[in-house]
Amino acid sequence: MNLSKLSSVVADSATLKINAKANALKKQGLPLIHLGGGEPEYPAPKAAVEAILAKAKTEKIKYSPTTGTVDLKEAVIKYTKDNYGKTVEAQNIIISSGAKQAIYNFLLAAVNPGDEVVFPVPYWVSYPEMVTMVSGVPVPVKPANGLKVTLDEVKAKITPKTKAVMVNSPSNPSGMIFDEAFIKGIVETCEEKGIFLLMDDIYNKLVFGGAECPVAFKYAKNADNLVVINGVSKLYGLTGLRIGWAVSENKDLIAAMGRMQAQTTSCNCDISEAAAAAVLNGDQSVVTDLKAQLEENRNALMQELKQIKDVGVTVPEGTFYTLVDFRAYGKNSMELAQFLLEKALVAVVPGDAFGLDGYARISYCASKNNVVEGARRIRWALDKTSPDEITIGGKIVKRTW
């Protein structure tokens, strides 16, 4: 019996695949350090935990409204006003099972077969696959220099077939922020050409050193083509809730996204929605604490990586990732990741999953000790100017290659 043609062209998620390999090695009792993860080890905020317990005690765990509960939509309305300076109504919002579903709902609602969707390289691993799944054509835009495309590079890829541009800032996997001139320019370009602009803002508050992410709404004259994605997974370390949302002035678009959701997942988990509303309305010092922890981890990781001979390191401005250039070591991304996993027991994500071969995404949302130890193992495995012996899991290991 044959499977669909689509099933044969959609790839596994590289991040979930590396998670599975890492977890398998951990189950074997090996001293693995996982620097490929996409979720902070920060404990769940108290407001979320209390809301989950309170909801469970009602013994009423039922279907919720397809596009989100009233309480959570009100919390998102407040969040949007506080963080974007934008006033919206409930009809401008859809709550989904994670930001990922919100993006997919958008693509289902907006993209016709053969339509092109443009996005910068490096990109989040799921962008090309999701576009393919809706029969669209992914158009990645590779920067001529560094890890950030220019506005002109993006504009050069826009054609009469372009239906949407997707921008993730700060970027997973690089942690780089697109500056005000870029955001202003891409908003104006998409309005002028009558194409959708999706801003994937899931990390937009996880920035360091006083940095801020420019707000696309600020430059929109007619925001009907603009949709902004966010959620509680990254900012509050609540990846397991699977709650994200989309906000747009285009109520027809939001309604269409709701119909797509209704016919697939029906609705969101009402326990998760209660917890998400509580954390959005709760004590925001948890965000300050998480950012401080991540910034400390980032600084420690940068200090270690810069000691590795011939690697290209760009200091991330936000998120909890950095994309490191290992091309000097002559391995493709998959070979590099496999080598580090086997020799150093360190899990990283191959850069080709994000559109840049020879790179690896390293996450610093693990404990600081693990982040530092993982980087030191990477140096030992690759850099032959480093000492040829290292202690891994209490045992001295010698580099023999």
Protein backbone atom coordinates (compact mmCIF):
# COMPACT_ATOMS: atom_id res chain seq x y z
CA MET A 1 0.00 0.00 0.00
CA ASN A 2 1.49 3.34 -1.07
CA LEU A 3 1.68 6.41 1.11
CA SER A 4 0.98 9.90 -0.22
CA LYS A 5 3.54 11.72 -2.34
CA LEU A 6 3.58 14.47 0.29
CA SER A 7 4.68 12.04 3.00
CA SER A 8 7.77 11.20 0.97
CA VAL A 9 8.92 14.80 0.51
CA VAL A 10 8.29 16.20 3.99
CA ALA A 11 11.39 15.65 6.12
CA ASP A 12 11.64 14.80 9.79
CA SER A 13 12.11 17.76 12.13
CA ALA A 14 15.87 18.00 12.65
CA THR A 15 15.45 19.31 16.18
CA LEU A 16 13.02 16.57 17.21
CA LYS A 17 15.26 13.98 15.56
CA ILE A 18 18.31 15.11 17.54
CA ASN A 19 16.19 15.13 20.71
CA ALA A 20 15.28 11.49 20.11
CA LYS A 21 18.93 10.49 19.60
CA ALA A 22 20.02 12.39 22.69
CA ASN A 23 17.30 10.87 24.85
CA ALA A 24 18.21 7.37 23.64
CA LEU A 25 21.83 7.88 24.68
CA LYS A 26 20.76 9.25 28.05
CA LYS A 27 18.60 6.18 28.65
CA GLN A 28 21.73 4.09 28.13
CA GLY A 29 23.26 5.89 31.09
CA LEU A 30 25.81 7.81 29.01
CA PRO A 31 26.92 11.26 30.28
CA LEU A 32 25.43 13.13 27.33
CA ILE A 33 25.14 16.92 27.26
CA HIS A 34 22.20 18.15 25.19
CA LEU A 35 22.92 21.50 23.53
CA GLY A 36 20.35 20.93 20.80
CA GLY A 37 17.25 21.65 22.83
CA GLY A 38 14.65 24.32 22.25
CA GLU A 39 13.17 24.72 25.71
CA PRO A 40 14.53 26.48 28.80
CA GLU A 41 15.15 24.40 31.92
CA TYR A 42 13.48 27.22 33.85
CA PRO A 43 10.74 25.91 36.18
CA ALA A 44 7.12 26.60 35.27
CA PRO A 45 5.93 29.94 36.66
CA LYS A 46 3.86 29.62 39.83
CA ALA A 47 0.84 31.33 38.23
CA ALA A 48 0.65 28.65 35.54
CA VAL A 49 1.00 25.77 38.01
CA GLU A 50 -1.70 27.17 40.29
CA ALA A 51 -4.07 27.68 37.36
CA ILE A 52 -3.55 24.09 36.18
CA LEU A 53 -4.31 22.73 39.65
CA ALA A 54 -7.36 24.96 40.08
CA LYS A 55 -8.75 23.92 36.70
CA ALA A 56 -8.17 20.23 37.42
CA LYS A 57 -9.97 20.52 40.75
CA THR A 58 -13.14 21.68 39.00
CA GLU A 59 -13.30 18.22 37.40
CA LYS A 60 -14.56 19.99 34.28
CA ILE A 61 -12.04 19.41 31.52
CA LYS A 62 -14.00 19.87 28.32
CA TYR A 63 -13.86 21.22 24.79
CA SER A 64 -13.07 24.92 24.64
CA PRO A 65 -14.06 27.48 21.95
CA THR A 66 -12.29 26.70 18.68
CA THR A 67 -10.31 29.94 18.48
CA GLY A 68 -9.60 30.28 22.20
CA THR A 69 -11.24 31.06 25.52
CA VAL A 70 -12.49 34.52 26.40
CA ASP A 71 -10.03 34.78 29.31
CA LEU A 72 -7.01 33.94 27.19
CA LYS A 73 -8.04 36.24 24.35
CA GLU A 74 -8.43 39.07 26.86
CA ALA A 75 -4.93 38.33 28.15
CA VAL A 76 -3.56 38.41 24.59
CA ILE A 77 -5.38 41.70 23.93
CA LYS A 78 -3.60 43.18 26.96
CA TYR A 79 -0.27 41.64 25.94
CA THR A 80 -0.59 43.11 22.46
CA LYS A 81 -1.40 46.57 23.82
CA ASP A 82 1.42 46.47 26.40
CA ASN A 83 4.11 45.08 24.12
CA TYR A 84 3.14 46.32 20.65
CA GLY A 85 1.15 49.47 21.42
CA LYS A 86 -1.61 47.94 19.32
CA THR A 87 -5.30 47.80 20.28
CA VAL A 88 -7.08 44.72 18.94
CA GLU A 89 -10.36 42.88 19.54
CA ALA A 90 -11.14 39.23 20.16
CA GLN A 91 -11.99 38.76 16.47
CA ASN A 92 -8.41 39.75 15.59
CA ILE A 93 -6.99 36.80 17.56
CA ILE A 94 -6.81 33.04 17.19
CA ILE A 95 -5.35 30.87 19.94
CA SER A 96 -3.72 27.69 18.65
CA SER A 97 -1.90 24.63 19.93
CA GLY A 98 1.46 26.37 19.85
CA ALA A 99 2.86 29.11 17.63
CA LYS A 100 3.69 26.37 15.14
CA GLN A 101 0.03 25.56 14.56
CA ALA A 102 -0.75 29.27 14.26
CA ILE A 103 1.82 29.57 11.45
CA TYR A 104 0.47 26.46 9.73
CA ASN A 105 -3.11 27.74 10.03
CA PHE A 106 -1.97 30.96 8.34
CA LEU A 107 -0.36 29.06 5.48
CA LEU A 108 -3.47 26.91 5.03
CA ALA A 109 -5.65 30.00 4.94
CA ALA A 110 -3.44 32.18 2.73
CA VAL A 111 -1.42 30.05 0.30
CA ASN A 112 -2.68 28.47 -2.93
CA PRO A 113 -0.84 25.68 -4.78
CA GLY A 114 2.19 27.14 -6.53
CA ASP A 115 2.27 30.33 -4.46
CA GLU A 116 5.74 31.32 -3.26
CA VAL A 117 6.59 32.03 0.37
CA VAL A 118 9.83 33.95 0.95
CA PHE A 119 11.89 33.78 4.16
CA PRO A 120 15.47 34.58 5.21
CA VAL A 121 18.26 32.03 5.67
CA PRO A 122 19.01 30.82 8.28
CA TYR A 123 15.39 29.85 8.86
CA TRP A 124 13.49 27.87 11.45
CA VAL A 125 13.58 24.22 10.44
CA SER A 126 9.84 23.89 9.85
CA TYR A 127 9.31 26.81 7.46
CA PRO A 128 10.17 24.99 4.21
CA GLU A 129 8.29 21.83 5.19
CA MET A 130 5.13 23.67 6.25
CA VAL A 131 5.07 25.66 3.01
CA THR A 132 5.50 22.42 1.08
CA MET A 133 2.67 20.81 3.04
CA VAL A 134 0.22 23.44 1.79
CA SER A 135 1.49 22.97 -1.80
CA GLY A 136 3.33 26.27 -1.74
CA VAL A 137 6.88 26.89 -2.96
CA PRO A 138 9.45 27.75 -0.28
CA VAL A 139 11.86 30.51 -1.35
CA PRO A 140 14.75 30.77 1.11
CA VAL A 141 16.92 33.90 0.81
CA LYS A 142 20.57 33.30 1.63
CA PRO A 143 22.68 36.24 2.86
CA ALA A 144 25.76 37.14 0.83
CA ASN A 145 27.54 38.00 4.06
CA GLY A 146 27.08 36.96 7.67
CA LEU A 147 23.90 35.61 9.21
CA LYS A 148 21.42 38.36 8.26
CA VAL A 149 19.95 38.98 4.84
CA THR A 150 19.55 42.54 3.64
CA LEU A 151 16.26 44.09 2.62
CA ASP A 152 17.47 44.24 -0.98
CA GLU A 153 18.27 40.51 -0.93
CA VAL A 154 14.72 39.72 0.18
CA LYS A 155 13.14 42.13 -2.32
CA ALA A 156 15.12 40.49 -5.12
CA LYS A 157 13.35 37.19 -4.43
CA ILE A 158 9.83 38.63 -4.52
CA THR A 159 8.03 37.79 -7.76
CA PRO A 160 4.43 37.99 -9.04
CA LYS A 161 4.01 34.49 -7.56
CA THR A 162 4.96 35.59 -4.04
CA LYS A 163 2.06 35.28 -1.58
CA ALA A 164 3.84 35.88 1.71
CA VAL A 165 7.09 36.79 3.43
CA MET A 166 7.90 35.25 6.83
CA VAL A 167 10.37 36.89 9.22
CA ASN A 168 11.56 35.47 12.56
CA SER A 169 13.29 38.06 14.74
CA PRO A 170 15.27 37.41 16.82
CA SER A 171 16.06 34.42 14.69
CA ASN A 172 16.03 30.76 15.55
CA PRO A 173 18.80 29.59 14.97
CA SER A 174 21.12 32.62 14.95
CA GLY A 175 19.72 34.83 17.70
CA MET A 176 20.15 37.87 15.41
CA ILE A 177 17.64 40.74 15.43
CA PHE A 178 16.50 42.43 12.22
CA ASP A 179 16.95 46.16 12.70
CA GLU A 180 14.39 48.93 12.40
CA ALA A 181 15.31 49.83 8.81
CA PHE A 182 14.80 46.22 7.70
CA ILE A 183 11.44 45.83 9.47
CA LYS A 184 10.19 49.19 8.21
CA GLY A 185 11.30 48.32 4.70
CA ILE A 186 9.78 44.84 4.63
CA VAL A 187 6.46 46.16 5.99
CA GLU A 188 6.36 48.84 3.30
CA THR A 189 7.42 46.41 0.56
CA CYS A 190 4.76 43.83 1.43
CA GLU A 191 2.05 46.52 1.62
CA GLU A 192 3.12 47.99 -1.71
CA LYS A 193 3.08 44.60 -3.44
CA GLY A 194 -0.08 43.35 -1.72
CA ILE A 195 1.47 40.28 -0.13
CA PHE A 196 1.15 38.91 3.38
CA LEU A 197 3.85 39.52 5.99
CA LEU A 198 4.06 37.02 8.85
CA MET A 199 6.17 38.16 11.81
CA ASP A 200 7.19 35.18 13.91
CA ASP A 201 7.73 36.98 17.22
CA ILE A 202 7.97 33.95 19.50
CA TYR A 203 11.36 35.18 20.85
CA ASN A 204 10.80 38.92 20.57
CA LYS A 205 11.00 39.57 24.33
CA LEU A 206 13.95 37.22 24.90
CA VAL A 207 16.61 39.79 24.02
CA PHE A 208 19.70 40.92 25.89
CA GLY A 209 21.69 43.99 26.79
CA GLY A 210 18.81 46.42 26.44
CA ALA A 211 18.11 45.36 22.84
CA GLU A 212 14.58 45.68 21.47
CA CYS A 213 12.84 44.13 18.51
CA PRO A 214 11.26 46.65 16.13
CA VAL A 215 7.47 46.38 15.99
CA ALA A 216 6.05 45.78 12.51
CA PHE A 217 2.66 47.27 13.47
CA LYS A 218 4.41 50.63 13.96
CA TYR A 219 5.08 50.95 10.22
CA ALA A 220 1.88 49.43 8.83
CA LYS A 221 -0.41 51.93 7.09
CA ASN A 222 -2.92 49.21 6.26
CA ALA A 223 -2.21 46.20 8.44
CA ASP A 224 -4.65 43.82 6.73
CA ASN A 225 -1.70 41.94 5.23
CA LEU A 226 0.19 41.66 8.54
CA VAL A 227 -0.07 38.74 10.97
CA VAL A 228 1.99 38.49 14.15
CA ILE A 229 2.69 35.16 15.85
CA ASN A 230 3.56 34.66 19.51
CA GLY A 231 3.07 32.25 22.41
CA VAL A 232 4.02 31.24 25.94
CA SER A 233 6.44 28.41 25.12
CA LYS A 234 9.73 30.31 25.01
CA LEU A 235 9.14 33.44 27.08
CA TYR A 236 7.83 31.52 30.08
CA GLY A 237 9.48 28.14 29.52
CA LEU A 238 6.03 26.56 29.05
CA THR A 239 6.67 24.49 25.93
CA GLY A 240 4.47 21.66 27.20
CA LEU A 241 1.32 23.79 27.29
CA ARG A 242 1.31 24.08 23.48
CA ILE A 243 -0.29 27.51 23.41
CA GLY A 244 0.43 30.15 20.79
CA TRP A 245 -1.58 32.76 18.94
CA ALA A 246 -1.88 34.92 15.85
CA VAL A 247 -2.97 38.57 15.79
CA SER A 248 -4.09 40.42 12.66
CA GLU A 249 -6.31 43.32 11.74
CA ASN A 250 -7.57 41.10 8.93
CA LYS A 251 -10.60 39.49 10.58
CA ASP A 252 -11.37 37.46 7.45
CA LEU A 253 -7.90 35.91 7.66
CA ILE A 254 -8.32 35.11 11.36
CA ALA A 255 -11.76 33.60 10.69
CA ALA A 256 -10.32 31.45 7.89
CA MET A 257 -7.52 30.28 10.19
CA GLY A 258 -10.21 29.38 12.73
CA ARG A 259 -11.99 27.22 10.16
CA MET A 260 -8.76 25.37 9.41
CA GLN A 261 -8.26 24.77 13.12
CA ALA A 262 -11.85 23.65 13.62
CA GLN A 263 -11.49 20.97 10.96
CA THR A 264 -8.14 19.66 12.27
CA THR A 265 -7.60 19.93 16.02
CA SER A 266 -11.08 21.30 16.88
CA CYS A 267 -9.82 23.39 19.80
CA ASN A 268 -7.03 23.81 22.32
CA CYS A 269 -6.59 22.13 25.69
CA ASP A 270 -8.65 24.16 28.17
CA ILE A 271 -6.20 23.41 31.01
CA SER A 272 -3.38 24.86 28.92
CA GLU A 273 -5.45 27.92 28.04
CA ALA A 274 -6.19 28.58 31.71
CA ALA A 275 -2.49 28.32 32.54
CA ALA A 276 -1.48 30.57 29.64
CA ALA A 277 -3.97 33.26 30.65
CA ALA A 278 -2.72 33.10 34.23
CA VAL A 279 0.93 33.49 33.29
CA LEU A 280 0.24 36.39 30.90
CA ASN A 281 -1.69 38.16 33.66
CA GLY A 282 0.71 37.10 36.42
CA ASP A 283 4.00 38.26 37.89
CA GLN A 284 6.29 39.16 34.98
CA SER A 285 9.45 38.98 37.08
CA VAL A 286 9.68 35.37 35.86
CA VAL A 287 10.57 36.79 32.43
CA THR A 288 13.26 39.04 33.91
CA ASP A 289 14.72 36.07 35.80
CA LEU A 290 14.73 33.83 32.73
CA LYS A 291 16.37 36.50 30.57
CA ALA A 292 19.08 37.06 33.19
CA GLN A 293 19.78 33.32 33.36
CA LEU A 294 19.92 32.99 29.57
CA GLU A 295 22.17 36.03 29.17
CA GLU A 296 24.58 34.62 31.74
CA ASN A 297 24.60 31.29 29.88
CA ARG A 298 25.11 33.05 26.56
CA ASN A 299 28.12 34.96 27.87
CA ALA A 300 29.67 31.82 29.31
CA LEU A 301 29.15 29.94 26.04
CA MET A 302 30.67 32.75 23.96
CA GLN A 303 33.75 32.78 26.18
CA GLU A 304 34.26 29.04 25.64
CA LEU A 305 33.50 28.99 21.90
CA LYS A 306 35.94 31.80 21.17
CA GLN A 307 38.74 29.56 22.44
CA ILE A 308 38.10 27.02 19.67
CA LYS A 309 40.51 27.52 16.78
CA ASP A 310 39.06 28.63 13.44
CA VAL A 311 35.37 28.69 14.35
CA GLY A 312 33.14 31.60 13.37
CA VAL A 313 31.16 32.90 16.33
CA THR A 314 28.53 35.66 16.17
CA VAL A 315 27.19 36.83 19.52
CA PRO A 316 23.41 36.29 19.56
CA GLU A 317 21.27 39.30 20.47
CA GLY A 318 18.35 37.20 21.68
CA THR A 319 16.70 33.73 21.83
CA PHE A 320 18.76 30.98 23.46
CA TYR A 321 20.64 29.78 20.39
CA THR A 322 23.78 30.60 18.48
CA LEU A 323 24.68 29.41 14.99
CA VAL A 324 28.38 28.55 14.87
CA ASP A 325 30.48 28.29 11.72
CA PHE A 326 32.51 25.05 11.82
CA ARG A 327 33.34 24.94 8.10
CA ALA A 328 37.07 25.13 8.81
CA TYR A 329 36.86 21.58 10.15
CA GLY A 330 35.90 20.16 6.77
CA LYS A 331 32.73 18.34 7.71
CA ASN A 332 29.20 18.85 6.49
CA SER A 333 26.64 19.69 9.16
CA MET A 334 25.34 16.16 9.63
CA GLU A 335 28.82 14.68 9.81
CA LEU A 336 29.80 17.31 12.36
CA ALA A 337 26.75 16.68 14.57
CA GLN A 338 27.24 12.92 14.40
CA PHE A 339 30.96 13.29 15.19
CA LEU A 340 30.30 15.43 18.27
CA LEU A 341 27.59 13.06 19.44
CA GLU A 342 29.81 9.98 19.12
CA LYS A 343 33.14 11.41 20.27
CA ALA A 344 32.18 14.07 22.79
CA LEU A 345 28.67 12.97 23.77
CA VAL A 346 27.37 16.45 22.94
CA ALA A 347 24.15 16.94 20.96
CA VAL A 348 23.90 19.92 18.58
CA VAL A 349 21.59 20.52 15.62
CA PRO A 350 23.10 20.38 12.10
CA GLY A 351 23.15 23.76 10.38
CA ASP A 352 21.84 22.44 7.08
CA ALA A 353 18.45 22.02 8.78
CA PHE A 354 18.41 25.84 8.91
CA GLY A 355 19.76 26.32 5.39
CA LEU A 356 23.48 26.71 6.21
CA ASP A 357 25.72 23.67 5.79
CA GLY A 358 28.92 23.47 7.82
CA TYR A 359 27.27 25.23 10.75
CA ALA A 360 25.70 23.91 13.95
CA ARG A 361 23.06 25.40 16.21
CA ILE A 362 24.11 25.35 19.84
CA SER A 363 21.52 26.04 22.50
CA TYR A 364 22.37 27.66 25.83
CA CYS A 365 19.08 27.08 27.61
CA ALA A 366 20.48 24.08 29.52
CA SER A 367 22.15 24.60 32.91
CA LYS A 368 25.20 26.87 32.85
CA ASN A 369 27.42 23.99 33.94
CA ASN A 370 26.25 21.85 31.03
CA VAL A 371 26.60 24.71 28.55
CA VAL A 372 30.22 25.31 29.60
CA GLU A 373 31.09 21.62 29.80
CA GLY A 374 29.52 20.94 26.41
CA ALA A 375 31.52 23.72 24.76
CA ARG A 376 34.73 22.42 26.32
CA ARG A 377 34.02 18.95 25.00
CA ILE A 378 33.42 20.38 21.52
CA ARG A 379 36.78 22.14 21.66
CA TRP A 380 38.52 18.95 22.80
CA ALA A 381 36.93 16.91 20.01
CA LEU A 382 37.72 19.35 17.19
CA ASP A 383 40.64 21.59 18.11
CA LYS A 384 43.91 19.68 18.14
CA THR A 385 45.67 22.59 19.80
CA SER A 386 43.63 21.83 22.93
CA PRO A 387 44.79 19.22 25.51
CA ASP A 388 44.28 15.69 24.18
CA GLU A 389 42.70 14.41 27.39
CA ILE A 390 39.40 15.36 28.99
CA THR A 391 37.20 13.97 31.74
CA ILE A 392 33.77 12.83 30.55
CA GLY A 393 31.40 11.27 33.07
CA GLY A 394 34.17 10.82 35.62
CA LYS A 395 36.46 9.01 33.17
CA ILE A 396 39.57 10.36 31.45
CA VAL A 397 39.19 10.16 27.68
CA LYS A 398 42.05 10.66 25.22
CA ARG A 399 41.67 12.11 21.75
CA THR A 400 43.05 9.54 19.31
CA TRP A 401 41.93 10.96 15.95
